[in-house]
């Protein structure tokens, strides 16, 4: 690929200055992890950074990048002996260069592929896991619905009806990342009355079910959601299921309640929190480079006291967010990363992120609203991170319920 006009790689002496990881959280990684993170950075610098803004402006997903991304061997890192901290830093680094690519990575690897690991039978893993982990096929995670986002646990309405040795799905899903092109969808539904014999776990109508659905299934309509102002490279879709038939062999037999979905959402919510770290690092990278290169009143912006104050606030936010998530990664390793603790982190670091990207946009002045300079994309994509995997308000209330013992959620 030929680099586009959207290459805003710093041309100053930024490389000789302290890293944005100001407290060197990466020192906690082992040698193998540090080397792999270096490989990821080289890949992103060569294959993503020069083109990301162009993809974003055109709402174009770069399928040609996937084989090279797969070659890094980073699918579900913890399944291959990497630490939770390394997994989080991978997501932060991906986000630092392109939030959309990071979101694709999480949806495919940390929800679809992880779902196969978590719930799949040996036979299902044999059929799907190899191709999915190596990105020969792509996956999506279909949970959110048109009328149910934060309340989908109680409002899940996609209907699954047993019919002999298969199931029939009717209903709709919305905001499904990778939904327009994914080869397979991990679809969550609620069981309704069945016409055939019930031979599953006996819980019957009302139970939550999960299925692997082929993207080209008859009766499935996939429509791209357009006019987004964030994550424009991500291909979010509206999905309509009209009598979509799925074999019993493609049901996750171990799934019977929404608690199974929560198991996966805890991990993905934590990784979205790491995205908020990466977004802050991106904003700091762009703002610092710009402040060193841009001259006003006869001197670089970086020599103005207020600009230095803004950069310090940005770095402080990013450093505090990273430190908080590093501690949470340690808790996760010991099984102590509860949903409430993850919710507190997601709420807090995304609030810091919002402040950080706003400060960064301000450092660039008028150029801060031009995609060419990178900051406008960083600023816009932050809004998606602030909202998905639980809004700030919902996560704050989950943490609030934990620390008071009283629920403020209806």
Protein backbone atom coordinates (compact mmCIF):
# COMPACT_ATOMS: atom_id res chain seq x y z
CA UNK A 1 0.00 0.00 0.00
CA UNK A 2 1.12 3.54 -0.70
CA UNK A 3 1.00 5.83 2.37
CA UNK A 4 -1.74 8.45 2.21
CA UNK A 5 -1.65 12.13 3.08
CA UNK A 6 -2.90 11.11 6.53
CA UNK A 7 0.52 10.13 7.88
CA UNK A 8 0.95 12.38 10.92
CA UNK A 9 4.01 10.57 12.33
CA UNK A 10 5.93 13.09 14.50
CA UNK A 11 8.94 14.60 12.74
CA UNK A 12 10.45 16.14 15.88
CA UNK A 13 12.66 14.71 18.63
CA UNK A 14 9.72 13.02 20.39
CA UNK A 15 11.50 9.67 20.18
CA UNK A 16 14.24 11.04 22.45
CA UNK A 17 11.78 12.20 25.11
CA UNK A 18 10.22 10.17 27.96
CA UNK A 19 7.70 7.58 26.84
CA UNK A 20 3.98 8.14 27.35
CA UNK A 21 4.13 5.10 29.67
CA UNK A 22 5.70 7.52 32.14
CA UNK A 23 5.86 5.09 35.08
CA UNK A 24 7.05 2.21 32.86
CA UNK A 25 4.19 -0.18 33.53
CA UNK A 26 5.63 -2.36 30.77
CA UNK A 27 8.54 -3.29 33.04
CA UNK A 28 6.17 -5.80 34.65
CA UNK A 29 6.06 -7.84 31.44
CA UNK A 30 8.44 -10.71 30.89
CA UNK A 31 10.98 -10.74 28.06
CA UNK A 32 8.74 -12.71 25.69
CA UNK A 33 5.87 -10.29 26.22
CA UNK A 34 8.03 -7.21 25.71
CA UNK A 35 9.39 -8.66 22.48
CA UNK A 36 5.91 -9.47 21.20
CA UNK A 37 4.67 -5.99 22.07
CA UNK A 38 7.59 -4.64 20.04
CA UNK A 39 6.53 -6.78 17.07
CA UNK A 40 3.01 -5.40 17.37
CA UNK A 41 4.30 -1.82 17.37
CA UNK A 42 6.37 -2.45 14.25
CA UNK A 43 3.36 -3.94 12.49
CA UNK A 44 1.10 -1.05 13.46
CA UNK A 45 3.65 1.58 12.43
CA UNK A 46 4.07 0.00 8.98
CA UNK A 47 0.63 -1.39 8.17
CA UNK A 48 -1.92 0.70 10.06
CA UNK A 49 -0.70 4.14 11.18
CA UNK A 50 -0.17 5.61 7.69
CA UNK A 51 -3.64 4.54 6.48
CA UNK A 52 -5.94 4.57 9.51
CA UNK A 53 -7.39 8.05 9.02
CA UNK A 54 -8.10 7.31 5.36
CA UNK A 55 -9.97 4.13 6.24
CA UNK A 56 -11.86 6.08 8.88
CA UNK A 57 -12.87 8.86 6.51
CA UNK A 58 -14.06 6.39 3.85
CA UNK A 59 -15.74 4.04 6.39
CA UNK A 60 -13.68 1.28 4.80
CA UNK A 61 -12.57 -1.88 6.59
CA UNK A 62 -9.03 -3.04 5.58
CA UNK A 63 -9.53 -6.77 5.06
CA UNK A 64 -6.10 -7.03 3.42
CA UNK A 65 -4.44 -6.28 6.78
CA UNK A 66 -5.93 -9.32 8.50
CA UNK A 67 -3.42 -11.98 7.35
CA UNK A 68 -0.54 -9.86 8.64
CA UNK A 69 -2.37 -9.22 11.91
CA UNK A 70 -3.01 -12.95 12.26
CA UNK A 71 0.69 -13.68 11.70
CA UNK A 72 1.50 -11.91 14.98
CA UNK A 73 -0.11 -14.78 16.90
CA UNK A 74 -2.00 -12.55 19.33
CA UNK A 75 -5.39 -14.24 19.30
CA UNK A 76 -6.69 -14.62 22.90
CA UNK A 77 -3.23 -14.11 24.48
CA UNK A 78 -4.06 -15.58 27.87
CA UNK A 79 -4.90 -18.90 26.19
CA UNK A 80 -1.27 -19.00 25.06
CA UNK A 81 0.43 -18.24 28.34
CA UNK A 82 0.53 -14.44 28.22
CA UNK A 83 -0.41 -12.36 31.26
CA UNK A 84 -3.56 -10.32 31.73
CA UNK A 85 -1.41 -7.19 31.81
CA UNK A 86 0.08 -8.06 28.43
CA UNK A 87 -3.40 -8.63 27.01
CA UNK A 88 -4.49 -5.20 28.21
CA UNK A 89 -1.39 -3.50 26.83
CA UNK A 90 -1.98 -5.15 23.44
CA UNK A 91 -5.45 -3.59 23.31
CA UNK A 92 -4.08 -0.23 24.46
CA UNK A 93 -1.37 -0.32 21.78
CA UNK A 94 -3.84 -1.27 19.04
CA UNK A 95 -6.14 1.55 20.15
CA UNK A 96 -3.25 4.00 20.32
CA UNK A 97 -2.83 3.61 16.56
CA UNK A 98 -6.42 2.90 15.50
CA UNK A 99 -9.44 2.43 17.75
CA UNK A 100 -11.40 0.72 14.98
CA UNK A 101 -8.79 -1.99 14.42
CA UNK A 102 -8.63 -2.53 18.18
CA UNK A 103 -12.42 -2.87 18.30
CA UNK A 104 -12.41 -5.40 15.46
CA UNK A 105 -9.70 -7.35 17.29
CA UNK A 106 -11.69 -7.44 20.55
CA UNK A 107 -14.99 -8.41 18.93
CA UNK A 108 -13.41 -11.19 16.92
CA UNK A 109 -10.81 -12.59 19.32
CA UNK A 110 -11.98 -11.66 22.80
CA UNK A 111 -15.69 -12.31 22.25
CA UNK A 112 -16.17 -14.71 19.33
CA UNK A 113 -12.99 -16.80 19.61
CA UNK A 114 -13.04 -16.61 23.42
CA UNK A 115 -16.67 -17.75 23.25
CA UNK A 116 -15.57 -20.89 21.43
CA UNK A 117 -12.98 -21.54 24.12
CA UNK A 118 -15.40 -20.80 26.96
CA UNK A 119 -18.56 -22.54 25.77
CA UNK A 120 -17.75 -24.61 22.71
CA UNK A 121 -17.76 -28.40 22.67
CA UNK A 122 -14.66 -30.22 21.40
CA UNK A 123 -16.52 -30.83 18.14
CA UNK A 124 -17.43 -27.14 17.75
CA UNK A 125 -13.87 -26.06 18.47
CA UNK A 126 -12.61 -28.57 15.92
CA UNK A 127 -14.89 -27.08 13.26
CA UNK A 128 -14.47 -23.38 13.98
CA UNK A 129 -11.55 -22.52 16.25
CA UNK A 130 -8.55 -23.02 13.98
CA UNK A 131 -9.84 -20.83 11.16
CA UNK A 132 -11.17 -18.18 13.54
CA UNK A 133 -8.01 -17.90 15.62
CA UNK A 134 -5.90 -17.50 12.48
CA UNK A 135 -8.36 -15.00 10.94
CA UNK A 136 -9.08 -17.20 7.94
CA UNK A 137 -12.67 -16.62 9.05
CA UNK A 138 -14.10 -13.71 11.04
CA UNK A 139 -16.62 -13.62 13.84
CA UNK A 140 -19.07 -11.27 15.55
CA UNK A 141 -20.82 -11.15 18.93
CA UNK A 142 -24.55 -10.48 18.57
CA UNK A 143 -26.07 -9.45 21.90
CA UNK A 144 -27.35 -5.84 21.76
CA UNK A 145 -30.86 -5.34 20.34
CA UNK A 146 -32.70 -2.33 18.84
CA UNK A 147 -34.64 -1.71 22.05
CA UNK A 148 -32.24 -3.20 24.58
CA UNK A 149 -28.70 -2.04 25.26
CA UNK A 150 -27.81 -1.59 28.93
CA UNK A 151 -30.93 -3.55 29.94
CA UNK A 152 -30.45 -6.46 27.55
CA UNK A 153 -30.04 -8.91 30.44
CA UNK A 154 -33.72 -8.62 31.27
CA UNK A 155 -34.89 -7.46 27.87
CA UNK A 156 -33.31 -10.05 25.58
CA UNK A 157 -36.03 -10.62 23.02
CA UNK A 158 -34.52 -12.45 20.03
CA UNK A 159 -36.62 -15.62 20.06
CA UNK A 160 -35.18 -19.14 19.71
CA UNK A 161 -37.72 -21.91 19.14
CA UNK A 162 -36.76 -25.58 19.14
CA UNK A 163 -38.02 -27.42 16.05
CA UNK A 164 -36.91 -31.04 15.99
CA UNK A 165 -33.13 -31.24 15.68
CA UNK A 166 -32.73 -27.53 14.95
CA UNK A 167 -33.70 -24.10 16.24
CA UNK A 168 -35.53 -21.22 14.55
CA UNK A 169 -34.46 -17.64 15.34
CA UNK A 170 -36.72 -14.59 14.95
CA UNK A 171 -36.00 -11.01 15.95
CA UNK A 172 -33.32 -8.37 15.56
CA UNK A 173 -29.90 -7.27 16.78
CA UNK A 174 -28.26 -3.84 16.51
CA UNK A 175 -24.78 -2.30 16.70
CA UNK A 176 -23.12 -5.61 15.92
CA UNK A 177 -19.43 -4.99 15.21
CA UNK A 178 -18.09 -6.92 12.18
CA UNK A 179 -21.74 -7.70 11.52
CA UNK A 180 -21.73 -6.89 7.82
CA UNK A 181 -18.99 -9.32 6.84
CA UNK A 182 -18.43 -11.83 9.67
CA UNK A 183 -18.44 -15.44 8.53
CA UNK A 184 -20.01 -16.51 11.82
CA UNK A 185 -22.04 -14.79 14.52
CA UNK A 186 -22.24 -15.73 18.19
CA UNK A 187 -25.93 -14.98 18.69
CA UNK A 188 -27.67 -14.67 22.06
CA UNK A 189 -31.40 -15.40 22.24
CA UNK A 190 -34.18 -16.37 24.63
CA UNK A 191 -35.95 -19.69 24.26
CA UNK A 192 -39.68 -19.64 23.52
CA UNK A 193 -42.22 -22.49 23.17
CA UNK A 194 -40.93 -25.36 21.06
CA UNK A 195 -42.69 -27.67 18.62
CA UNK A 196 -40.22 -30.56 18.93
CA UNK A 197 -39.01 -32.72 21.82
CA UNK A 198 -37.02 -30.89 24.47
CA UNK A 199 -33.75 -32.79 24.80
CA UNK A 200 -31.49 -30.03 26.16
CA UNK A 201 -30.89 -29.21 29.82
CA UNK A 202 -34.58 -29.08 30.68
CA UNK A 203 -34.81 -25.38 31.59
CA UNK A 204 -37.22 -24.69 28.74
CA UNK A 205 -38.83 -21.40 27.66
CA UNK A 206 -37.24 -18.30 29.10
CA UNK A 207 -33.73 -19.73 29.21
CA UNK A 208 -30.92 -17.82 27.50
CA UNK A 209 -29.38 -19.64 24.56
CA UNK A 210 -26.30 -19.00 22.43
CA UNK A 211 -25.72 -20.17 18.86
CA UNK A 212 -23.09 -20.07 16.14
CA UNK A 213 -24.92 -18.69 13.10
CA UNK A 214 -23.43 -18.57 9.61
CA UNK A 215 -23.34 -15.05 8.19
CA UNK A 216 -24.99 -16.21 4.95
CA UNK A 217 -27.84 -18.09 6.62
CA UNK A 218 -31.18 -17.93 4.74
CA UNK A 219 -33.51 -15.48 6.48
CA UNK A 220 -30.69 -13.37 7.92
CA UNK A 221 -30.49 -9.77 6.68
CA UNK A 222 -27.42 -7.64 7.51
CA UNK A 223 -27.48 -3.89 6.97
CA UNK A 224 -24.57 -1.58 7.67
CA UNK A 225 -25.23 1.27 10.12
CA UNK A 226 -24.19 4.48 8.39
CA UNK A 227 -23.57 8.13 9.33
CA UNK A 228 -21.49 7.32 12.42
CA UNK A 229 -19.19 9.98 13.84
CA UNK A 230 -17.02 7.45 15.70
CA UNK A 231 -15.43 4.10 14.87
CA UNK A 232 -16.20 4.72 11.22
CA UNK A 233 -13.91 1.89 10.10
CA UNK A 234 -15.83 -0.64 12.20
CA UNK A 235 -18.64 -2.22 10.20
CA UNK A 236 -21.53 -2.14 12.67
CA UNK A 237 -24.71 -3.79 11.46
CA UNK A 238 -28.41 -4.13 12.04
CA UNK A 239 -29.31 -7.83 11.89
CA UNK A 240 -32.81 -9.17 11.21
CA UNK A 241 -33.55 -12.86 11.81
CA UNK A 242 -36.62 -14.09 9.94
CA UNK A 243 -36.99 -17.80 10.51
CA UNK A 244 -33.24 -18.40 10.55
CA UNK A 245 -32.64 -22.11 11.13
CA UNK A 246 -29.67 -23.27 13.22
CA UNK A 247 -28.68 -26.86 13.86
CA UNK A 248 -28.63 -28.14 17.45
CA UNK A 249 -24.96 -28.94 16.79
CA UNK A 250 -24.34 -25.19 16.58
CA UNK A 251 -25.85 -24.37 19.96
CA UNK A 252 -23.56 -23.78 22.94
CA UNK A 253 -25.07 -26.47 25.13
CA UNK A 254 -23.43 -25.16 28.32
CA UNK A 255 -25.18 -21.76 28.07
CA UNK A 256 -28.45 -21.54 29.99
CA UNK A 257 -28.60 -18.06 31.59
CA UNK A 258 -27.41 -14.50 31.13
CA UNK A 259 -24.72 -15.15 33.73
CA UNK A 260 -22.84 -16.93 30.96
CA UNK A 261 -22.89 -13.75 28.89
CA UNK A 262 -21.78 -11.74 31.92
CA UNK A 263 -18.69 -13.94 32.19
CA UNK A 264 -17.60 -12.74 28.78
CA UNK A 265 -18.74 -9.15 29.28
CA UNK A 266 -16.56 -8.78 32.37
CA UNK A 267 -13.49 -9.51 30.29
CA UNK A 268 -14.54 -7.37 27.33
CA UNK A 269 -15.50 -4.45 29.60
CA UNK A 270 -12.04 -4.55 31.12
CA UNK A 271 -10.45 -4.54 27.67
CA UNK A 272 -12.56 -1.55 26.62
CA UNK A 273 -11.13 0.18 29.69
CA UNK A 274 -7.68 -0.53 28.25
CA UNK A 275 -8.92 1.06 25.05
CA UNK A 276 -9.51 4.24 27.04
CA UNK A 277 -5.83 4.10 28.05
CA UNK A 278 -4.75 3.67 24.43
CA UNK A 279 -6.95 6.55 23.37
CA UNK A 280 -5.29 8.82 25.93
CA UNK A 281 -1.83 7.74 24.81
CA UNK A 282 -2.81 8.53 21.23
CA UNK A 283 -4.06 11.99 22.21
CA UNK A 284 -0.85 12.66 24.14
CA UNK A 285 1.32 11.44 21.26
CA UNK A 286 -0.35 13.72 18.75
CA UNK A 287 -0.60 16.75 21.07
CA UNK A 288 3.01 16.58 22.24
CA UNK A 289 4.38 16.18 18.71
CA UNK A 290 2.24 19.06 17.49
CA UNK A 291 3.22 21.31 20.39
CA UNK A 292 6.88 20.74 19.61
CA UNK A 293 6.52 21.39 15.89
CA UNK A 294 3.91 24.16 15.71
CA UNK A 295 5.16 27.69 16.21
CA UNK A 296 3.08 30.65 17.34
CA UNK A 297 4.32 34.09 18.38
CA UNK A 298 7.77 33.07 17.22
CA UNK A 299 8.26 29.98 19.37
CA UNK A 300 6.97 26.37 19.62
CA UNK A 301 3.69 25.87 21.45
CA UNK A 302 5.55 23.57 23.86
CA UNK A 303 7.32 26.62 25.32
CA UNK A 304 4.06 28.12 26.55
CA UNK A 305 3.26 27.41 30.19
CA UNK A 306 -0.42 26.68 29.65
CA UNK A 307 0.34 24.20 26.88
CA UNK A 308 2.80 22.36 29.12
CA UNK A 309 0.14 22.31 31.85
CA UNK A 310 -2.34 20.75 29.44
CA UNK A 311 0.15 18.11 28.35
CA UNK A 312 0.95 17.27 31.97
CA UNK A 313 -2.76 16.89 32.77
CA UNK A 314 -3.17 14.60 29.77
CA UNK A 315 -0.19 12.49 30.78
CA UNK A 316 -1.36 12.37 34.40
CA UNK A 317 -4.78 11.10 33.33
CA UNK A 318 -3.25 8.45 31.08
CA UNK A 319 -0.72 7.35 33.70
CA UNK A 320 -3.31 7.09 36.47
CA UNK A 321 -5.64 5.14 34.18
CA UNK A 322 -2.87 2.74 33.20
CA UNK A 323 -1.84 2.20 36.82
CA UNK A 324 -5.43 1.50 37.85
CA UNK A 325 -5.85 -1.10 35.11
CA UNK A 326 -2.47 -2.69 35.83
CA UNK A 327 -3.68 -3.30 39.39
CA UNK A 328 -6.96 -4.66 38.05
CA UNK A 329 -5.02 -7.00 35.76
CA UNK A 330 -3.28 -8.38 38.85
CA UNK A 331 -6.66 -8.85 40.53
CA UNK A 332 -7.89 -10.59 37.41
CA UNK A 333 -4.98 -13.04 37.55
CA UNK A 334 -6.05 -14.05 41.07
CA UNK A 335 -9.76 -14.21 40.23
CA UNK A 336 -10.64 -11.05 42.18
CA UNK A 337 -11.69 -8.81 39.27
CA UNK A 338 -15.38 -8.59 40.11
CA UNK A 339 -17.90 -6.92 37.82
CA UNK A 340 -18.16 -4.01 40.28
CA UNK A 341 -14.40 -3.45 40.28
CA UNK A 342 -14.33 -3.60 36.48
CA UNK A 343 -17.32 -1.23 36.30
CA UNK A 344 -15.53 1.31 38.50
CA UNK A 345 -12.50 1.18 36.23
CA UNK A 346 -14.52 1.48 33.04
CA UNK A 347 -16.43 4.48 34.36
CA UNK A 348 -13.39 6.26 35.80
CA UNK A 349 -10.87 5.78 33.02
CA UNK A 350 -13.36 6.70 30.28
CA UNK A 351 -14.18 9.90 32.14
CA UNK A 352 -10.46 10.70 32.30
CA UNK A 353 -10.20 9.82 28.63
CA UNK A 354 -12.90 12.32 27.71
CA UNK A 355 -10.97 15.08 29.47
CA UNK A 356 -7.69 14.01 27.92
CA UNK A 357 -8.87 13.96 24.31
CA UNK A 358 -10.62 17.31 24.79
CA UNK A 359 -7.40 18.85 26.09
CA UNK A 360 -5.51 17.35 23.17
CA UNK A 361 -7.96 18.69 20.66
CA UNK A 362 -7.55 22.12 22.20
CA UNK A 363 -3.75 22.00 21.92
CA UNK A 364 -4.15 21.64 18.15
CA UNK A 365 -6.48 24.63 17.90
CA UNK A 366 -8.32 24.76 14.60
CA UNK A 367 -6.26 21.90 13.24
CA UNK A 368 -7.77 19.76 15.99
CA UNK A 369 -10.98 19.40 13.99
CA UNK A 370 -9.23 18.24 10.80
CA UNK A 371 -8.90 14.50 10.27
CA UNK A 372 -5.54 15.08 8.57
CA UNK A 373 -3.88 15.87 11.90
CA UNK A 374 -5.15 12.75 13.65
CA UNK A 375 -6.63 14.38 16.73
CA UNK A 376 -10.14 14.76 15.31
CA UNK A 377 -10.34 10.99 14.84
CA UNK A 378 -8.99 10.36 18.35
CA UNK A 379 -11.48 12.85 19.78
CA UNK A 380 -14.47 11.36 17.92
CA UNK A 381 -13.62 7.71 18.58
CA UNK A 382 -13.40 8.39 22.31
CA UNK A 383 -17.16 8.88 22.42
CA UNK A 384 -17.75 5.29 21.35
CA UNK A 385 -15.44 3.99 24.08
CA UNK A 386 -17.26 6.16 26.61
CA UNK A 387 -20.54 4.47 25.65
CA UNK A 388 -20.08 0.84 24.68
CA UNK A 389 -19.61 -2.03 27.14
CA UNK A 390 -21.82 -0.10 29.52
CA UNK A 391 -22.27 3.65 29.62
CA UNK A 392 -20.51 5.74 32.26
CA UNK A 393 -23.79 6.02 34.20
CA UNK A 394 -24.55 2.28 34.22
CA UNK A 395 -21.03 1.34 35.28
CA UNK A 396 -21.04 4.00 37.98
CA UNK A 397 -24.29 2.58 39.36
CA UNK A 398 -22.93 -0.98 39.34
CA UNK A 399 -19.98 0.20 41.43
CA UNK A 400 -22.29 2.33 43.56
CA UNK A 401 -24.49 -0.68 44.32
CA UNK A 402 -21.43 -2.62 45.43
CA UNK A 403 -20.11 0.03 47.82
CA UNK A 404 -23.50 0.91 49.37
CA UNK A 405 -25.39 -2.38 49.20
CA UNK A 406 -28.31 -0.46 47.68
CA UNK A 407 -29.28 -0.63 44.02
CA UNK A 408 -30.18 2.59 42.21
CA UNK A 409 -30.88 0.67 38.98
CA UNK A 410 -34.58 0.03 38.45
